[in-house]
N, C-alpha and C. Protein backbone atom coordinates (compact mmCIF):
# COMPACT_ATOMS: atom_id res chain seq x y z
N MET A 1 4.67 12.88 13.01
CA MET A 1 3.95 11.65 13.31
C MET A 1 4.70 10.47 12.69
N GLN A 2 4.83 9.41 13.44
CA GLN A 2 5.53 8.22 12.98
C GLN A 2 4.62 7.41 12.06
N THR A 3 5.19 6.92 10.98
CA THR A 3 4.42 6.11 10.04
C THR A 3 4.10 4.76 10.67
N ILE A 4 2.88 4.30 10.45
CA ILE A 4 2.49 2.98 10.95
C ILE A 4 3.38 1.92 10.32
N GLN A 5 3.62 0.87 11.06
CA GLN A 5 4.43 -0.25 10.58
C GLN A 5 3.62 -1.54 10.73
N PRO A 6 3.83 -2.49 9.84
CA PRO A 6 3.17 -3.78 10.05
C PRO A 6 3.74 -4.43 11.31
N LEU A 7 2.94 -5.26 11.95
CA LEU A 7 3.44 -5.95 13.13
C LEU A 7 4.50 -6.95 12.73
N GLU A 8 5.57 -7.00 13.47
CA GLU A 8 6.67 -7.94 13.23
C GLU A 8 6.18 -9.34 13.60
N PRO A 9 6.15 -10.27 12.64
CA PRO A 9 5.60 -11.60 12.91
C PRO A 9 6.27 -12.34 14.07
N LEU A 10 7.53 -12.06 14.32
CA LEU A 10 8.22 -12.74 15.41
C LEU A 10 8.23 -11.91 16.69
N GLY A 11 7.58 -10.74 16.64
CA GLY A 11 7.53 -9.88 17.82
C GLY A 11 6.48 -10.35 18.82
N SER A 12 6.59 -9.85 20.03
CA SER A 12 5.70 -10.29 21.11
C SER A 12 4.27 -9.83 20.93
N GLN A 13 4.02 -8.78 20.16
CA GLN A 13 2.66 -8.28 19.95
C GLN A 13 1.89 -9.04 18.88
N PHE A 14 2.60 -9.71 18.01
CA PHE A 14 1.93 -10.27 16.83
C PHE A 14 0.85 -11.29 17.17
N LEU A 15 1.18 -12.35 17.86
CA LEU A 15 0.20 -13.41 18.10
C LEU A 15 -1.01 -12.94 18.90
N PRO A 16 -0.85 -12.12 19.95
CA PRO A 16 -2.04 -11.62 20.64
C PRO A 16 -2.93 -10.76 19.72
N GLU A 17 -2.30 -9.93 18.89
CA GLU A 17 -3.08 -9.10 17.97
C GLU A 17 -3.76 -9.95 16.90
N TRP A 18 -3.06 -10.94 16.39
CA TRP A 18 -3.65 -11.86 15.41
C TRP A 18 -4.86 -12.56 16.03
N ALA A 19 -4.71 -13.07 17.24
CA ALA A 19 -5.82 -13.77 17.91
C ALA A 19 -7.01 -12.84 18.12
N ARG A 20 -6.73 -11.59 18.44
CA ARG A 20 -7.80 -10.62 18.69
C ARG A 20 -8.54 -10.23 17.42
N LEU A 21 -7.83 -10.16 16.29
CA LEU A 21 -8.42 -9.64 15.06
C LEU A 21 -8.66 -10.69 13.98
N GLU A 22 -8.31 -11.92 14.24
CA GLU A 22 -8.45 -12.99 13.25
C GLU A 22 -9.90 -13.12 12.75
N LYS A 23 -10.86 -12.82 13.61
CA LYS A 23 -12.27 -12.90 13.20
C LYS A 23 -12.55 -12.03 11.99
N HIS A 24 -11.87 -10.88 11.89
CA HIS A 24 -12.06 -9.99 10.74
C HIS A 24 -11.44 -10.59 9.48
N VAL A 25 -10.33 -11.29 9.64
CA VAL A 25 -9.70 -11.97 8.50
C VAL A 25 -10.63 -13.06 8.00
N ARG A 26 -11.16 -13.86 8.91
CA ARG A 26 -12.08 -14.94 8.51
C ARG A 26 -13.31 -14.39 7.80
N ALA A 27 -13.86 -13.30 8.32
CA ALA A 27 -15.05 -12.70 7.69
C ALA A 27 -14.73 -12.23 6.27
N ALA A 28 -13.57 -11.62 6.08
CA ALA A 28 -13.19 -11.16 4.74
C ALA A 28 -12.97 -12.33 3.79
N LEU A 29 -12.42 -13.40 4.30
CA LEU A 29 -12.15 -14.57 3.46
C LEU A 29 -13.43 -15.25 2.97
N GLU A 30 -14.54 -15.01 3.64
CA GLU A 30 -15.81 -15.57 3.17
C GLU A 30 -16.19 -15.04 1.80
N TYR A 31 -15.65 -13.88 1.43
CA TYR A 31 -15.93 -13.29 0.12
C TYR A 31 -14.94 -13.76 -0.95
N ALA A 32 -13.96 -14.54 -0.54
CA ALA A 32 -12.96 -15.07 -1.48
C ALA A 32 -12.87 -16.57 -1.28
N PRO A 33 -13.93 -17.27 -1.62
CA PRO A 33 -13.97 -18.70 -1.34
C PRO A 33 -12.87 -19.47 -2.08
N ASP A 34 -12.30 -20.42 -1.37
CA ASP A 34 -11.36 -21.37 -1.96
C ASP A 34 -10.03 -20.78 -2.40
N THR A 35 -9.70 -19.57 -1.98
CA THR A 35 -8.38 -19.04 -2.35
C THR A 35 -7.38 -19.18 -1.22
N HIS A 36 -7.82 -18.90 0.00
CA HIS A 36 -6.94 -18.96 1.16
C HIS A 36 -7.77 -19.31 2.39
N SER A 37 -7.11 -19.86 3.36
CA SER A 37 -7.73 -20.05 4.67
C SER A 37 -7.05 -19.09 5.63
N ASP A 38 -7.60 -18.96 6.83
CA ASP A 38 -6.93 -18.11 7.80
C ASP A 38 -5.53 -18.65 8.11
N ARG A 39 -5.36 -19.95 8.03
CA ARG A 39 -4.04 -20.56 8.27
C ARG A 39 -3.03 -20.18 7.19
N THR A 40 -3.46 -20.20 5.92
CA THR A 40 -2.52 -19.83 4.86
C THR A 40 -2.20 -18.34 4.91
N VAL A 41 -3.17 -17.53 5.29
CA VAL A 41 -2.90 -16.10 5.46
C VAL A 41 -1.85 -15.91 6.54
N LEU A 42 -2.02 -16.59 7.66
CA LEU A 42 -1.05 -16.51 8.75
C LEU A 42 0.33 -16.97 8.28
N ASP A 43 0.38 -18.04 7.52
CA ASP A 43 1.66 -18.52 6.98
C ASP A 43 2.33 -17.47 6.10
N TRP A 44 1.55 -16.79 5.27
CA TRP A 44 2.11 -15.75 4.40
C TRP A 44 2.71 -14.62 5.24
N ILE A 45 2.02 -14.25 6.31
CA ILE A 45 2.53 -13.19 7.18
C ILE A 45 3.80 -13.65 7.88
N LEU A 46 3.78 -14.86 8.42
CA LEU A 46 4.94 -15.37 9.16
C LEU A 46 6.17 -15.54 8.27
N THR A 47 5.96 -15.78 6.99
CA THR A 47 7.10 -15.95 6.07
C THR A 47 7.49 -14.65 5.37
N GLY A 48 6.80 -13.55 5.69
CA GLY A 48 7.14 -12.26 5.11
C GLY A 48 6.54 -11.98 3.77
N ARG A 49 5.70 -12.86 3.29
CA ARG A 49 5.06 -12.64 1.99
C ARG A 49 3.93 -11.59 2.07
N ALA A 50 3.36 -11.43 3.27
CA ALA A 50 2.30 -10.45 3.49
C ALA A 50 2.59 -9.69 4.77
N GLN A 51 1.94 -8.53 4.91
CA GLN A 51 2.12 -7.69 6.08
C GLN A 51 0.79 -7.54 6.81
N PHE A 52 0.83 -7.54 8.14
CA PHE A 52 -0.36 -7.46 8.97
C PHE A 52 -0.34 -6.15 9.75
N PHE A 53 -1.36 -5.31 9.50
CA PHE A 53 -1.52 -4.05 10.21
C PHE A 53 -2.73 -4.17 11.13
N ALA A 54 -2.56 -3.79 12.38
CA ALA A 54 -3.63 -3.92 13.37
C ALA A 54 -4.06 -2.55 13.87
N TYR A 55 -5.36 -2.42 14.10
CA TYR A 55 -5.93 -1.21 14.68
C TYR A 55 -6.83 -1.65 15.84
N GLU A 56 -7.60 -0.75 16.41
CA GLU A 56 -8.43 -1.10 17.56
C GLU A 56 -9.41 -2.23 17.24
N ASP A 57 -10.25 -2.02 16.22
CA ASP A 57 -11.26 -3.02 15.87
C ASP A 57 -11.24 -3.31 14.37
N SER A 58 -10.05 -3.33 13.80
CA SER A 58 -9.93 -3.64 12.38
C SER A 58 -8.50 -4.05 12.08
N CYS A 59 -8.33 -4.63 10.91
CA CYS A 59 -6.98 -5.00 10.48
C CYS A 59 -6.92 -4.96 8.97
N MET A 60 -5.70 -4.95 8.48
CA MET A 60 -5.47 -4.90 7.05
C MET A 60 -4.26 -5.77 6.75
N ILE A 61 -4.35 -6.52 5.68
CA ILE A 61 -3.23 -7.36 5.25
C ILE A 61 -2.88 -6.93 3.83
N THR A 62 -1.59 -6.69 3.65
CA THR A 62 -1.11 -6.23 2.36
C THR A 62 -0.03 -7.16 1.84
N GLU A 63 0.25 -7.01 0.57
CA GLU A 63 1.43 -7.66 -0.01
C GLU A 63 2.04 -6.66 -0.99
N LEU A 64 3.34 -6.69 -1.09
CA LEU A 64 4.04 -5.81 -2.02
C LEU A 64 4.27 -6.57 -3.31
N ILE A 65 3.76 -6.02 -4.39
CA ILE A 65 3.82 -6.67 -5.70
C ILE A 65 4.82 -5.91 -6.57
N LYS A 66 5.77 -6.64 -7.13
CA LYS A 66 6.74 -6.03 -8.03
C LYS A 66 6.35 -6.38 -9.47
N TYR A 67 5.83 -5.39 -10.16
CA TYR A 67 5.53 -5.53 -11.58
C TYR A 67 6.79 -5.13 -12.36
N PRO A 68 6.84 -5.41 -13.65
CA PRO A 68 8.04 -5.05 -14.41
C PRO A 68 8.40 -3.56 -14.35
N ASP A 69 7.38 -2.69 -14.27
CA ASP A 69 7.66 -1.26 -14.33
C ASP A 69 7.38 -0.49 -13.04
N ASN A 70 6.85 -1.14 -12.01
CA ASN A 70 6.62 -0.44 -10.76
C ASN A 70 6.38 -1.42 -9.61
N LYS A 71 6.27 -0.86 -8.43
CA LYS A 71 6.02 -1.64 -7.22
C LYS A 71 4.72 -1.14 -6.61
N VAL A 72 3.84 -2.07 -6.27
CA VAL A 72 2.50 -1.73 -5.81
C VAL A 72 2.24 -2.37 -4.45
N CYS A 73 1.55 -1.64 -3.59
CA CYS A 73 1.08 -2.20 -2.34
C CYS A 73 -0.36 -2.65 -2.56
N ARG A 74 -0.58 -3.95 -2.49
CA ARG A 74 -1.92 -4.51 -2.69
C ARG A 74 -2.57 -4.73 -1.32
N VAL A 75 -3.70 -4.07 -1.10
CA VAL A 75 -4.50 -4.34 0.08
C VAL A 75 -5.32 -5.57 -0.26
N TRP A 76 -4.99 -6.64 0.41
CA TRP A 76 -5.51 -7.94 0.06
C TRP A 76 -6.66 -8.34 0.96
N ILE A 77 -6.57 -8.01 2.23
CA ILE A 77 -7.65 -8.30 3.18
C ILE A 77 -7.80 -7.10 4.09
N ALA A 78 -9.03 -6.67 4.29
CA ALA A 78 -9.32 -5.62 5.27
C ALA A 78 -10.64 -5.99 5.93
N GLY A 79 -10.69 -5.85 7.23
CA GLY A 79 -11.91 -6.20 7.93
C GLY A 79 -12.03 -5.47 9.24
N GLY A 80 -13.27 -5.32 9.68
CA GLY A 80 -13.54 -4.66 10.95
C GLY A 80 -14.33 -3.39 10.74
N ASN A 81 -14.07 -2.41 11.57
CA ASN A 81 -14.76 -1.14 11.57
C ASN A 81 -14.36 -0.32 10.35
N LEU A 82 -15.33 0.01 9.50
CA LEU A 82 -15.03 0.69 8.23
C LEU A 82 -14.38 2.05 8.45
N ARG A 83 -14.79 2.79 9.46
CA ARG A 83 -14.18 4.09 9.75
C ARG A 83 -12.69 3.92 10.09
N GLU A 84 -12.41 2.90 10.89
CA GLU A 84 -11.01 2.62 11.22
C GLU A 84 -10.23 2.16 10.00
N ILE A 85 -10.87 1.36 9.16
CA ILE A 85 -10.19 0.88 7.94
C ILE A 85 -9.77 2.06 7.07
N HIS A 86 -10.62 3.08 6.98
CA HIS A 86 -10.24 4.27 6.21
C HIS A 86 -9.00 4.94 6.80
N LYS A 87 -8.97 5.10 8.12
CA LYS A 87 -7.80 5.70 8.78
C LYS A 87 -6.56 4.84 8.57
N LEU A 88 -6.74 3.54 8.79
CA LEU A 88 -5.63 2.60 8.63
C LEU A 88 -5.12 2.62 7.19
N GLY A 89 -6.05 2.67 6.25
CA GLY A 89 -5.67 2.68 4.84
C GLY A 89 -4.79 3.86 4.47
N GLU A 90 -5.11 5.03 4.99
CA GLU A 90 -4.29 6.21 4.72
C GLU A 90 -2.89 6.04 5.29
N GLN A 91 -2.80 5.45 6.46
CA GLN A 91 -1.49 5.22 7.07
C GLN A 91 -0.70 4.15 6.31
N VAL A 92 -1.39 3.13 5.84
CA VAL A 92 -0.73 2.08 5.07
C VAL A 92 -0.20 2.64 3.75
N VAL A 93 -0.95 3.53 3.11
CA VAL A 93 -0.49 4.16 1.87
C VAL A 93 0.80 4.94 2.13
N GLU A 94 0.87 5.64 3.25
CA GLU A 94 2.09 6.36 3.59
C GLU A 94 3.26 5.38 3.79
N TRP A 95 2.99 4.29 4.50
CA TRP A 95 4.02 3.25 4.70
C TRP A 95 4.48 2.69 3.35
N ALA A 96 3.52 2.43 2.46
CA ALA A 96 3.84 1.85 1.15
C ALA A 96 4.73 2.78 0.34
N THR A 97 4.47 4.06 0.43
CA THR A 97 5.32 5.03 -0.25
C THR A 97 6.76 4.92 0.25
N GLU A 98 6.93 4.76 1.54
CA GLU A 98 8.26 4.61 2.12
C GLU A 98 8.93 3.30 1.68
N GLN A 99 8.13 2.32 1.26
CA GLN A 99 8.67 1.05 0.78
C GLN A 99 9.00 1.10 -0.71
N GLY A 100 8.80 2.26 -1.34
CA GLY A 100 9.12 2.43 -2.75
C GLY A 100 7.97 2.13 -3.69
N CYS A 101 6.76 2.00 -3.15
CA CYS A 101 5.59 1.74 -4.00
C CYS A 101 5.16 3.02 -4.71
N THR A 102 4.75 2.85 -5.96
CA THR A 102 4.25 3.98 -6.74
C THR A 102 2.73 4.02 -6.76
N ASP A 103 2.12 2.89 -6.42
CA ASP A 103 0.65 2.80 -6.43
C ASP A 103 0.19 1.87 -5.32
N ALA A 104 -1.10 1.97 -5.02
CA ALA A 104 -1.75 1.03 -4.11
C ALA A 104 -2.96 0.48 -4.84
N GLU A 105 -3.27 -0.76 -4.60
CA GLU A 105 -4.44 -1.37 -5.22
C GLU A 105 -5.17 -2.21 -4.19
N ILE A 106 -6.45 -2.35 -4.41
CA ILE A 106 -7.30 -3.14 -3.52
C ILE A 106 -7.85 -4.30 -4.31
N VAL A 107 -7.72 -5.49 -3.77
CA VAL A 107 -8.38 -6.65 -4.35
C VAL A 107 -9.56 -6.95 -3.44
N GLY A 108 -10.76 -6.80 -3.98
CA GLY A 108 -11.94 -6.99 -3.15
C GLY A 108 -13.21 -7.01 -3.96
N ARG A 109 -14.28 -7.19 -3.25
CA ARG A 109 -15.58 -7.23 -3.92
C ARG A 109 -16.00 -5.82 -4.34
N ASP A 110 -17.04 -5.73 -5.14
CA ASP A 110 -17.46 -4.46 -5.72
C ASP A 110 -17.76 -3.38 -4.68
N GLY A 111 -18.21 -3.75 -3.49
CA GLY A 111 -18.53 -2.77 -2.47
C GLY A 111 -17.37 -1.87 -2.09
N TRP A 112 -16.14 -2.34 -2.27
CA TRP A 112 -14.97 -1.52 -1.92
C TRP A 112 -14.82 -0.33 -2.86
N GLU A 113 -15.40 -0.40 -4.04
CA GLU A 113 -15.30 0.73 -4.97
C GLU A 113 -15.93 1.98 -4.35
N ARG A 114 -17.04 1.82 -3.65
CA ARG A 114 -17.69 2.95 -2.99
C ARG A 114 -17.00 3.31 -1.67
N ALA A 115 -16.41 2.32 -1.03
CA ALA A 115 -15.85 2.50 0.32
C ALA A 115 -14.39 2.93 0.32
N ALA A 116 -13.78 3.05 -0.83
CA ALA A 116 -12.34 3.36 -0.89
C ALA A 116 -12.10 4.66 -1.65
N PRO A 117 -12.21 5.78 -0.97
CA PRO A 117 -12.00 7.07 -1.64
C PRO A 117 -10.59 7.16 -2.23
N GLY A 118 -10.53 7.72 -3.43
CA GLY A 118 -9.25 7.89 -4.08
C GLY A 118 -8.86 6.73 -4.98
N PHE A 119 -9.55 5.62 -4.85
CA PHE A 119 -9.28 4.46 -5.70
C PHE A 119 -10.32 4.44 -6.83
N LYS A 120 -9.89 3.98 -7.99
CA LYS A 120 -10.83 3.81 -9.09
C LYS A 120 -10.69 2.40 -9.63
N LYS A 121 -11.75 1.91 -10.19
CA LYS A 121 -11.76 0.55 -10.72
C LYS A 121 -10.79 0.46 -11.89
N ALA A 122 -9.88 -0.51 -11.81
CA ALA A 122 -8.87 -0.65 -12.86
C ALA A 122 -9.06 -1.93 -13.66
N ALA A 123 -9.72 -2.91 -13.08
CA ALA A 123 -9.91 -4.19 -13.77
C ALA A 123 -11.01 -4.98 -13.07
N THR A 124 -11.46 -6.00 -13.73
CA THR A 124 -12.41 -6.94 -13.14
C THR A 124 -11.85 -8.33 -13.37
N VAL A 125 -11.95 -9.16 -12.37
CA VAL A 125 -11.48 -10.54 -12.47
C VAL A 125 -12.68 -11.46 -12.60
N TYR A 126 -12.65 -12.31 -13.58
CA TYR A 126 -13.70 -13.32 -13.76
C TYR A 126 -13.10 -14.68 -13.41
N ARG A 127 -13.88 -15.50 -12.78
CA ARG A 127 -13.36 -16.80 -12.33
C ARG A 127 -14.29 -17.92 -12.78
N ARG A 128 -13.69 -19.02 -13.15
CA ARG A 128 -14.43 -20.21 -13.57
C ARG A 128 -13.86 -21.41 -12.83
N THR A 129 -14.71 -22.16 -12.16
CA THR A 129 -14.26 -23.36 -11.47
C THR A 129 -14.03 -24.45 -12.50
N LEU A 130 -12.92 -25.15 -12.38
CA LEU A 130 -12.57 -26.22 -13.34
C LEU A 130 -12.70 -27.57 -12.69
């Protein structure tokens, strides 16, 4: 089986898939107020800072983080059909391994702790508006 690949931002499939699934990105961003807009997410993908994975009724956006001692695939946005997200997540983890990642992490609200088998809570982020 071929490993899933992120959509090539300059490829012919990207913009139609983005238009079809952008609603899921917007819905996920409602849980992360004031950090990004759908436009900035798109800019990150177009500049190669983030990767966009598309499925039938869901999508996932990742970024590869290089820490001093390892490389991690961060699932930054996921939205759509939860069953599909689980399937997509397993495929993205396989892709991340091929990219040299030693770990995967999810940045999300507390509900993902129950919805992400194999992941365990590693930290909590507290935020204060200034």
